[in-house]
Protein backbone atom coordinates (compact mmCIF):
# COMPACT_ATOMS: atom_id res chain seq x y z
CA MET A 1 151.51 -36.92 -106.38
CA ARG A 2 151.52 -38.30 -102.83
CA LEU A 3 155.31 -38.63 -102.93
CA LEU A 4 155.65 -35.01 -104.03
CA SER A 5 153.27 -33.88 -101.30
CA ARG A 6 155.17 -35.78 -98.62
CA LEU A 7 158.48 -34.43 -99.91
CA SER A 8 157.16 -30.88 -99.79
CA VAL A 9 155.90 -31.33 -96.23
CA THR A 10 159.28 -32.76 -95.18
CA VAL A 11 161.18 -29.87 -96.78
CA PHE A 12 158.96 -27.29 -95.10
CA ARG A 13 159.31 -28.99 -91.73
CA LEU A 14 163.09 -29.09 -92.09
CA ALA A 15 163.08 -25.40 -93.02
CA ALA A 16 161.01 -24.55 -89.95
CA PHE A 17 163.25 -26.68 -87.74
CA GLY A 18 166.35 -25.01 -89.21
CA SER A 19 164.92 -21.55 -88.59
CA GLY A 20 164.27 -22.43 -84.97
CA LEU A 21 167.81 -23.77 -84.54
CA LEU A 22 169.25 -20.64 -86.15
CA THR A 23 167.30 -18.44 -83.75
CA ILE A 24 168.56 -20.42 -80.77
CA ALA A 25 172.12 -20.33 -82.15
CA VAL A 26 172.04 -16.53 -82.46
CA PHE A 27 170.84 -16.22 -78.87
CA LEU A 28 173.56 -18.57 -77.59
CA MET A 29 176.22 -16.64 -79.52
CA MET A 30 175.14 -13.34 -77.98
CA LEU A 31 174.97 -14.92 -74.55
CA SER A 32 178.46 -16.39 -74.94
CA PHE A 33 180.10 -13.15 -76.02
CA GLY A 34 178.22 -11.07 -73.48
CA TRP A 35 178.84 -13.47 -70.59
CA PRO A 36 181.88 -11.61 -69.16
CA LEU A 37 179.62 -8.62 -68.51
CA LEU A 38 176.70 -10.68 -67.23
CA THR A 39 178.43 -12.70 -64.51
CA ASP A 40 178.37 -11.93 -60.80
CA GLY A 41 175.08 -10.07 -61.03
CA GLN A 42 176.39 -7.42 -63.42
CA PHE A 43 173.47 -7.56 -65.82
CA PHE A 44 171.28 -5.08 -63.96
CA THR A 45 174.31 -2.93 -63.22
CA LEU A 46 174.99 -2.92 -66.93
CA LEU A 47 171.43 -1.87 -67.71
CA ALA A 48 171.52 0.97 -65.18
CA GLY A 49 175.10 2.15 -65.75
CA GLU A 50 176.57 4.86 -67.92
CA TRP A 51 178.79 4.41 -70.95
CA ASN A 52 182.33 5.62 -70.30
CA PRO A 53 184.93 3.20 -71.69
CA ALA A 54 187.82 5.46 -70.57
CA ASN A 55 186.86 4.68 -66.97
CA GLY A 56 185.95 1.05 -67.61
CA LEU A 57 182.20 1.69 -67.59
CA PHE A 58 180.17 -0.08 -70.24
CA GLY A 59 176.61 0.58 -69.11
CA ILE A 60 173.95 0.71 -71.79
CA TYR A 61 171.31 2.66 -69.90
CA PRO A 62 171.62 5.79 -72.13
CA MET A 63 171.06 3.60 -75.19
CA VAL A 64 168.06 1.87 -73.61
CA VAL A 65 166.51 5.27 -72.85
CA GLY A 66 167.27 6.47 -76.37
CA SER A 67 165.71 3.41 -77.98
CA ILE A 68 162.55 3.59 -75.89
CA SER A 69 162.19 7.36 -76.37
CA ILE A 70 162.56 7.29 -80.14
CA ALA A 71 160.42 4.18 -80.62
CA PHE A 72 157.46 5.33 -78.50
CA LEU A 73 157.58 8.87 -79.88
CA ALA A 74 157.57 7.48 -83.41
CA LEU A 75 154.61 5.28 -82.52
CA LEU A 76 152.79 8.29 -81.06
CA PHE A 77 153.28 10.22 -84.30
CA SER A 78 152.53 7.34 -86.64
CA LEU A 79 149.47 5.79 -84.99
CA PRO A 80 146.87 8.50 -85.80
CA VAL A 81 148.08 8.78 -89.40
CA SER A 82 148.13 5.01 -89.85
CA LEU A 83 144.65 4.57 -88.42
CA GLY A 84 143.24 7.37 -90.57
CA THR A 85 144.89 6.00 -93.70
CA SER A 86 143.56 2.51 -93.03
CA PHE A 87 140.04 3.88 -92.51
CA VAL A 88 140.23 5.74 -95.82
CA ALA A 89 141.62 2.69 -97.61
CA THR A 90 138.83 0.41 -96.42
CA VAL A 91 135.61 2.37 -95.85
CA LEU A 92 135.68 6.13 -96.17
CA ALA A 93 136.91 6.60 -99.74
CA PRO A 94 135.55 5.48 -103.14
CA PRO A 95 137.08 2.25 -104.52
CA PRO A 96 139.49 3.99 -106.96
CA VAL A 97 140.87 6.12 -104.15
CA ARG A 98 141.20 3.06 -101.91
CA ARG A 99 143.24 1.24 -104.56
CA PHE A 100 145.44 4.29 -105.05
CA VAL A 101 146.08 4.68 -101.31
CA LEU A 102 146.93 1.00 -100.89
CA GLY A 103 149.27 1.21 -103.87
CA ILE A 104 151.10 4.14 -102.28
CA ILE A 105 151.39 2.23 -98.99
CA ARG A 106 152.87 -0.79 -100.75
CA PHE A 107 155.32 1.47 -102.55
CA MET A 108 156.35 3.11 -99.27
CA ALA A 109 156.94 -0.29 -97.70
CA GLY A 110 159.40 -1.10 -100.48
CA VAL A 111 161.45 2.11 -100.24
CA PRO A 112 164.88 1.41 -98.67
CA THR A 113 165.37 2.90 -95.21
CA VAL A 114 168.48 4.78 -96.34
CA ILE A 115 166.34 6.82 -98.75
CA TYR A 116 164.19 8.12 -95.90
CA GLY A 117 167.30 8.98 -93.92
CA PHE A 118 169.07 10.60 -96.86
CA VAL A 119 166.10 12.82 -97.70
CA ALA A 120 165.67 13.76 -94.03
CA VAL A 121 169.32 14.80 -93.70
CA PHE A 122 168.95 17.39 -96.47
CA MET A 123 165.34 18.50 -95.88
CA LEU A 124 164.12 17.80 -92.35
CA VAL A 125 167.34 18.31 -90.38
CA PRO A 126 167.92 21.91 -91.57
CA PHE A 127 164.27 22.75 -90.84
CA MET A 128 164.48 21.30 -87.33
CA ARG A 129 167.76 23.10 -86.70
CA GLU A 130 166.57 26.51 -87.88
CA GLN A 131 162.88 26.50 -86.92
CA ILE A 132 162.14 24.12 -84.04
CA THR A 133 164.87 22.52 -81.95
CA GLY A 134 168.01 24.49 -82.70
CA GLY A 135 171.42 22.87 -82.27
CA SER A 136 172.51 20.47 -84.98
CA GLY A 137 168.98 19.31 -85.81
CA LEU A 138 170.09 15.73 -85.18
CA ASN A 139 168.01 14.69 -82.20
CA ILE A 140 165.35 12.35 -80.89
CA LEU A 141 162.47 14.33 -82.38
CA THR A 142 163.97 14.33 -85.89
CA ALA A 143 164.64 10.60 -85.77
CA ALA A 144 161.16 9.87 -84.38
CA ILE A 145 159.41 11.83 -87.15
CA VAL A 146 161.20 9.92 -89.91
CA LEU A 147 160.81 6.63 -88.06
CA ALA A 148 157.06 7.33 -87.81
CA VAL A 149 156.92 7.47 -91.61
CA LEU A 150 158.96 4.28 -91.83
CA ILE A 151 156.73 2.18 -89.55
CA ALA A 152 153.43 3.52 -90.90
CA PRO A 153 153.14 1.00 -93.80
CA THR A 154 153.66 -1.91 -91.38
CA MET A 155 150.83 -0.76 -89.14
CA ILE A 156 148.53 0.18 -92.01
CA VAL A 157 148.85 -3.30 -93.55
CA PHE A 158 147.78 -4.86 -90.25
CA PHE A 159 144.92 -2.40 -89.76
CA VAL A 160 143.59 -2.83 -93.30
CA SER A 161 143.82 -6.62 -93.04
CA GLY A 162 141.81 -6.62 -89.83
CA LEU A 163 139.15 -4.25 -91.14
CA LYS A 164 138.75 -6.25 -94.35
CA ASN A 165 138.48 -9.58 -92.54
CA VAL A 166 135.30 -8.67 -90.66
CA LYS A 167 132.63 -11.22 -91.55
CA PRO A 168 130.80 -10.20 -94.75
CA GLU A 169 127.39 -11.06 -93.31
CA TYR A 170 127.93 -8.49 -90.56
CA CYS A 171 128.81 -5.84 -93.13
CA LEU A 172 125.77 -6.72 -95.27
CA ALA A 173 123.50 -6.51 -92.25
CA VAL A 174 124.82 -3.06 -91.34
CA ASP A 175 124.45 -1.90 -94.95
CA ALA A 176 120.88 -3.22 -95.01
CA LEU A 177 120.08 -1.11 -91.96
CA GLY A 178 121.18 1.98 -93.87
CA ALA A 179 124.26 2.76 -91.80
CA ARG A 180 126.61 5.38 -93.15
CA PRO A 181 130.30 4.48 -93.70
CA VAL A 182 131.38 6.30 -90.54
CA GLN A 183 128.75 4.47 -88.47
CA LYS A 184 129.78 1.18 -90.02
CA LEU A 185 133.39 1.91 -89.14
CA ILE A 186 132.76 2.99 -85.54
CA PHE A 187 130.13 0.48 -84.49
CA LEU A 188 131.16 -2.62 -86.49
CA LEU A 189 134.60 -2.66 -88.06
CA ILE A 190 136.72 -1.21 -85.26
CA PRO A 191 135.19 -3.38 -82.48
CA GLN A 192 135.56 -6.49 -84.65
CA ALA A 193 139.09 -5.68 -85.87
CA TRP A 194 140.64 -4.61 -82.58
CA PRO A 195 142.99 -7.65 -82.33
CA SER A 196 144.54 -6.73 -85.68
CA ILE A 197 144.76 -3.09 -84.65
CA VAL A 198 146.59 -3.99 -81.44
CA SER A 199 148.81 -6.40 -83.39
CA GLY A 200 149.69 -3.63 -85.82
CA ILE A 201 150.61 -1.31 -82.95
CA ILE A 202 152.84 -3.98 -81.40
CA MET A 203 154.51 -4.72 -84.73
CA GLY A 204 155.04 -1.02 -85.37
CA LEU A 205 156.71 -0.65 -81.99
CA GLY A 206 158.90 -3.66 -82.68
CA ARG A 207 159.85 -2.23 -86.08
CA ALA A 208 160.75 1.08 -84.48
CA MET A 209 162.88 -0.55 -81.77
CA GLY A 210 164.73 -2.69 -84.28
CA ASP A 211 165.59 -0.02 -86.85
CA THR A 212 169.25 0.97 -87.08
CA LEU A 213 169.81 3.36 -89.95
CA ILE A 214 167.33 6.12 -89.08
CA SER A 215 168.60 6.53 -85.54
CA LEU A 216 172.20 6.22 -86.73
CA MET A 217 171.76 9.00 -89.28
CA LEU A 218 169.37 11.36 -87.49
CA ALA A 219 169.42 10.93 -83.70
CA GLY A 220 172.85 12.49 -83.09
CA ASN A 221 174.37 9.40 -81.38
CA SER A 222 175.08 11.14 -78.08
CA ILE A 223 175.90 8.75 -75.21
CA ALA A 224 174.37 11.17 -72.67
CA ILE A 225 170.94 10.39 -71.27
CA PRO A 226 168.46 12.60 -73.20
CA ALA A 227 166.47 15.02 -71.08
CA SER A 228 164.06 16.14 -73.82
CA VAL A 229 163.10 15.29 -77.38
CA SER A 230 165.36 18.08 -78.65
CA ASP A 231 168.43 16.32 -77.23
CA SER A 232 170.59 13.93 -79.18
CA GLY A 233 170.42 10.27 -78.30
CA ARG A 234 171.71 6.87 -79.27
CA THR A 235 169.72 3.67 -79.68
CA LEU A 236 170.83 0.13 -78.93
CA THR A 237 170.95 -0.77 -82.62
CA ALA A 238 172.96 2.32 -83.56
CA HIS A 239 175.32 1.66 -80.65
CA ILE A 240 175.97 -1.87 -81.91
CA ALA A 241 176.76 -0.55 -85.40
CA LEU A 242 179.09 2.17 -84.10
CA VAL A 243 181.05 -0.07 -81.73
CA ILE A 244 181.46 -2.81 -84.33
CA ALA A 245 182.93 -0.19 -86.67
CA ALA A 246 185.41 0.96 -84.02
CA ASP A 247 186.91 -2.05 -82.25
CA PHE A 248 186.94 -5.83 -82.31
CA SER A 249 188.88 -7.04 -79.30
CA SER A 250 188.06 -4.94 -76.23
CA MET A 251 185.44 -5.20 -73.51
CA GLU A 252 183.75 -2.33 -75.30
CA PHE A 253 183.15 -4.64 -78.22
CA LYS A 254 181.88 -7.43 -75.97
CA SER A 255 179.36 -5.10 -74.37
CA ILE A 256 177.39 -4.83 -77.58
CA PHE A 257 176.26 -8.40 -77.09
CA ALA A 258 174.49 -7.24 -73.95
CA CYS A 259 172.68 -4.75 -76.20
CA GLY A 260 171.82 -7.64 -78.49
CA LEU A 261 170.41 -9.62 -75.57
CA VAL A 262 168.18 -6.71 -74.59
CA LEU A 263 166.90 -6.41 -78.16
CA TYR A 264 166.43 -10.17 -78.35
CA ILE A 265 164.37 -10.17 -75.16
CA PHE A 266 162.27 -7.31 -76.52
CA THR A 267 161.66 -9.29 -79.72
CA VAL A 268 160.49 -12.28 -77.69
CA ILE A 269 158.11 -10.02 -75.77
CA VAL A 270 156.72 -8.66 -79.05
CA VAL A 271 156.11 -12.15 -80.45
CA VAL A 272 154.47 -13.37 -77.24
CA ALA A 273 152.29 -10.25 -77.14
CA LEU A 274 151.18 -10.85 -80.74
CA ARG A 275 150.24 -14.45 -79.99
CA TRP A 276 148.41 -13.44 -76.82
CA VAL A 277 146.46 -10.60 -78.45
CA SER A 278 145.42 -12.55 -81.54
CA PRO A 279 145.73 -16.30 -80.86
CA GLY A 280 143.35 -17.19 -83.68
CA GLN A 281 144.59 -14.73 -86.24
CA ASP A 282 146.46 -16.03 -89.24
CA LEU A 283 149.40 -13.65 -89.40
CA ARG A 284 150.60 -15.23 -92.63
CA SER A 285 147.76 -13.57 -94.52
CA ILE A 286 148.87 -10.06 -93.54
C-alpha cells in the first residue's frame, strides 16, 4: 500500500512538472518565432500599428481592440444573467427547480462552441441585419451576444460554488433569525462569497478573450479598427486562425506569434488575478 501511494505521488508530481515544462516550451516557441518582430523596440510599435501586409505593416492593434471590445461586451451581457441564475440555483428557487437549473447549466457547458455559432448564423445574424445593426449582421455586437451565452456556464459554476461554500453554521443562524431567502442572499451569501464571484468574472473574461470560433464566425473579421459595436471586427484568436490558413512562410505568418504572446501574457494576468483574489480558495473543487 505504501509503495502504491509513493508511486502515485511520484506520477502526479511528474505530470505536474511536465505540464509546467510544456507551458514554458509553448512560450519559448512563440517568443522564438515572433522574435523578428520584437527586436529593436518593435513590440510596442507592433501593438499600436495597423495591419497592412501589402505595405509591410503587421501591427495587431485592430485585433487587440476587437478582442477587448468583444470580450468586455460579452462579460457585460453575461454577468447579470449569470448572477441571477446562480441566485436562483442556490437560494431563490425550490430544490427541484434548483436541480433543473443546474442540470441545464451543465448541459450548456458541454455543448460544442460550433453549435452556438452555427445556430447564431441562421437565427441571430439575420435578425441583427434586418432589425438592429443593418449591414451584414456580422459584427461585434452579434459575436458578443453569443459569446455571453458561451461564458455564462463558466461564471455560474464559480458563483454557485462560492454561494454553496458559505459556512453552514452561518446559514443556520440566519435561518434561525427568520430571514427570508432574499435577505439571506443579500446580507450573508454575497458578502461571504465575493471572492468566488470575482473569480468567476475573471474566468469568464479569460474565456471570452480566448475563444476563437465565435468571433471567427460572427464578428465579420474586418481588420479596420471598430468605431462602434455595429462594426465588424477581428480578434487575436481569429486572426491567428485566418493567417495560419493563408500562409506559412512570410512575415505575416510570423506576426501571429506576437498575437500569441499577447494572449499568453493576458492568460498569466488572469491566473495571477485569480490567485490574488482567492488565495485560500480551492479551485479544484469548482
